[in-house]
N, C-alpha and C. Protein backbone atom coordinates (compact mmCIF):
# COMPACT_ATOMS: atom_id res chain seq x y z
N MET A 1 -49.27 60.20 -10.34
CA MET A 1 -49.22 58.80 -10.44
C MET A 1 -48.91 57.67 -9.75
N THR A 2 -49.66 56.67 -8.91
CA THR A 2 -49.09 56.22 -7.61
C THR A 2 -48.62 55.62 -8.07
N ILE A 3 -47.30 55.08 -7.26
CA ILE A 3 -45.83 53.91 -7.74
C ILE A 3 -45.95 52.41 -8.95
N SER A 4 -47.79 52.33 -8.24
CA SER A 4 -48.23 50.47 -8.28
C SER A 4 -48.53 50.86 -9.67
N SER A 5 -49.31 52.77 -10.92
CA SER A 5 -49.33 52.46 -11.66
C SER A 5 -48.28 52.35 -12.72
N HIS A 6 -47.15 53.83 -12.01
CA HIS A 6 -46.00 53.76 -12.83
C HIS A 6 -45.00 51.88 -12.73
N LEU A 7 -45.38 51.19 -11.87
CA LEU A 7 -45.07 50.10 -12.34
C LEU A 7 -45.22 49.17 -12.89
N ALA A 8 -46.19 49.72 -13.11
CA ALA A 8 -47.65 48.78 -14.62
C ALA A 8 -47.63 49.38 -15.44
N GLU A 9 -46.89 50.33 -15.28
CA GLU A 9 -46.44 51.32 -16.91
C GLU A 9 -45.55 50.97 -16.97
N LEU A 10 -44.30 50.49 -16.40
CA LEU A 10 -42.46 50.30 -16.75
C LEU A 10 -42.66 48.07 -17.19
N ARG A 11 -43.85 47.52 -16.45
CA ARG A 11 -43.72 46.79 -17.21
C ARG A 11 -43.89 45.97 -18.37
N ARG A 12 -45.45 46.95 -18.84
CA ARG A 12 -45.51 47.19 -20.17
C ARG A 12 -45.03 47.56 -20.95
N LYS A 13 -43.90 48.12 -20.64
CA LYS A 13 -41.94 48.94 -21.65
C LYS A 13 -42.12 48.24 -21.65
N HIS A 14 -41.47 47.31 -21.09
CA HIS A 14 -40.72 45.86 -21.00
C HIS A 14 -41.52 44.96 -21.45
N GLU A 15 -41.94 44.50 -21.24
CA GLU A 15 -42.38 43.91 -22.89
C GLU A 15 -42.54 44.44 -23.74
N VAL A 16 -42.80 45.38 -23.89
CA VAL A 16 -42.89 45.55 -25.61
C VAL A 16 -41.88 45.43 -25.88
N LEU A 17 -40.35 45.41 -25.37
CA LEU A 17 -39.07 45.40 -25.92
C LEU A 17 -38.69 44.21 -25.42
N SER A 18 -39.41 43.22 -24.76
CA SER A 18 -39.22 41.89 -24.95
C SER A 18 -40.32 41.32 -26.74
N ASP A 19 -41.00 41.79 -27.14
CA ASP A 19 -41.13 41.27 -27.74
C ASP A 19 -40.35 42.43 -29.42
N LYS A 20 -40.45 42.98 -28.99
CA LYS A 20 -38.79 43.28 -30.45
C LYS A 20 -37.98 42.66 -30.41
N VAL A 21 -37.21 42.73 -29.06
CA VAL A 21 -35.86 41.67 -29.27
C VAL A 21 -36.61 40.32 -29.68
N GLU A 22 -37.02 39.29 -29.18
CA GLU A 22 -37.75 37.87 -29.49
C GLU A 22 -37.91 38.70 -31.09
N LYS A 23 -38.41 39.29 -31.93
CA LYS A 23 -38.90 39.26 -33.49
C LYS A 23 -37.34 39.67 -34.15
N GLY A 24 -36.55 40.35 -33.36
CA GLY A 24 -35.36 41.29 -33.85
C GLY A 24 -34.61 40.21 -34.41
N GLN A 25 -35.18 39.56 -32.66
CA GLN A 25 -33.81 38.22 -33.36
C GLN A 25 -34.45 36.51 -34.13
N ARG A 26 -35.14 36.41 -33.94
CA ARG A 26 -35.63 36.01 -35.68
C ARG A 26 -35.57 36.46 -37.15
N SER A 27 -35.17 37.77 -36.86
CA SER A 27 -35.33 38.07 -38.43
C SER A 27 -34.07 37.81 -39.22
N PRO A 28 -33.69 37.57 -40.88
CA PRO A 28 -32.82 38.08 -40.56
C PRO A 28 -31.38 38.44 -41.23
N ALA A 29 -32.64 39.19 -41.32
CA ALA A 29 -31.99 40.94 -41.52
C ALA A 29 -31.87 41.80 -40.00
N ALA A 30 -31.47 41.74 -39.28
CA ALA A 30 -31.48 41.59 -37.42
C ALA A 30 -30.90 42.94 -37.60
N ASP A 31 -30.85 43.71 -36.31
CA ASP A 31 -29.57 44.44 -36.57
C ASP A 31 -29.63 44.49 -34.96
N ASP A 32 -28.00 44.53 -34.80
CA ASP A 32 -27.63 43.33 -33.77
C ASP A 32 -27.43 44.31 -33.33
N ILE A 33 -27.24 46.26 -33.34
CA ILE A 33 -27.21 47.44 -32.85
C ILE A 33 -28.11 47.95 -31.75
N GLN A 34 -29.24 47.64 -33.62
CA GLN A 34 -30.61 48.90 -32.38
C GLN A 34 -30.47 47.09 -31.37
N ILE A 35 -30.94 45.35 -31.49
CA ILE A 35 -31.00 44.63 -30.58
C ILE A 35 -30.47 44.52 -29.82
N ALA A 36 -29.45 45.12 -29.28
CA ALA A 36 -28.25 45.20 -28.22
C ALA A 36 -28.30 47.25 -26.99
N GLU A 37 -29.41 47.90 -27.88
CA GLU A 37 -30.12 48.85 -27.27
C GLU A 37 -31.40 47.96 -26.92
N TRP A 38 -32.45 48.09 -27.33
CA TRP A 38 -33.28 47.67 -26.90
C TRP A 38 -33.08 46.52 -24.81
N LYS A 39 -32.30 45.66 -25.23
CA LYS A 39 -31.77 44.98 -24.43
C LYS A 39 -31.49 46.23 -22.88
N ARG A 40 -30.22 46.96 -23.60
CA ARG A 40 -30.03 47.33 -22.35
C ARG A 40 -31.02 48.08 -22.16
N GLN A 41 -31.56 48.68 -23.00
CA GLN A 41 -33.35 49.36 -21.87
C GLN A 41 -34.54 48.22 -21.52
N LYS A 42 -34.01 47.53 -21.90
CA LYS A 42 -34.71 46.34 -20.98
C LYS A 42 -34.25 46.26 -20.04
N LEU A 43 -33.44 45.94 -19.71
CA LEU A 43 -32.44 45.72 -17.72
C LEU A 43 -32.64 47.19 -17.31
N ARG A 44 -32.60 48.14 -18.08
CA ARG A 44 -32.60 49.15 -17.38
C ARG A 44 -33.85 49.75 -16.76
N LEU A 45 -35.20 48.74 -17.72
CA LEU A 45 -36.26 49.33 -16.58
C LEU A 45 -36.40 47.96 -15.44
N LYS A 46 -35.92 47.07 -16.06
CA LYS A 46 -35.83 45.69 -14.46
C LYS A 46 -35.27 46.28 -13.03
N GLU A 47 -34.57 46.70 -13.19
CA GLU A 47 -33.49 47.50 -12.80
C GLU A 47 -34.24 48.71 -11.50
N GLU A 48 -35.06 48.77 -12.22
CA GLU A 48 -36.17 49.69 -12.14
C GLU A 48 -37.72 49.90 -12.11
N ILE A 49 -37.48 48.93 -12.01
CA ILE A 49 -39.13 48.14 -11.82
C ILE A 49 -38.75 47.47 -9.83
N THR A 50 -37.05 46.29 -10.54
CA THR A 50 -37.27 45.73 -8.89
C THR A 50 -36.59 47.07 -7.73
N ARG A 51 -35.97 47.78 -8.06
CA ARG A 51 -35.54 49.40 -6.84
C ARG A 51 -37.39 49.36 -6.63
N LEU A 52 -38.12 49.95 -7.69
CA LEU A 52 -39.36 50.76 -6.76
C LEU A 52 -40.25 48.89 -5.90
N SER A 53 -39.85 48.47 -6.55
CA SER A 53 -40.74 46.87 -5.80
C SER A 53 -40.00 46.63 -4.83
N THR A 54 -38.78 47.29 -4.27
CA THR A 54 -39.09 46.95 -2.54
C THR A 54 -38.93 48.33 -2.10
N SER A 55 -39.39 48.58 -2.41
CA SER A 55 -38.91 50.20 -1.45
C SER A 55 -40.42 50.13 -1.54
N HIS A 56 -40.96 49.80 -2.37
CA HIS A 56 -42.52 49.60 -2.06
C HIS A 56 -42.96 49.12 -0.71
């Protein structure tokens, strides 16, 4: 897997998590713990994307 394809996959996963967070926050029965976990995952992905982008 090339770095650019890996970055594309990480960005796709980040977007999916963004959608989940947004939908979860709009839901009246939102699971705050699950939303917090998705946010942590998003942050890890963003850090990895930044790291790979700057070294690329």
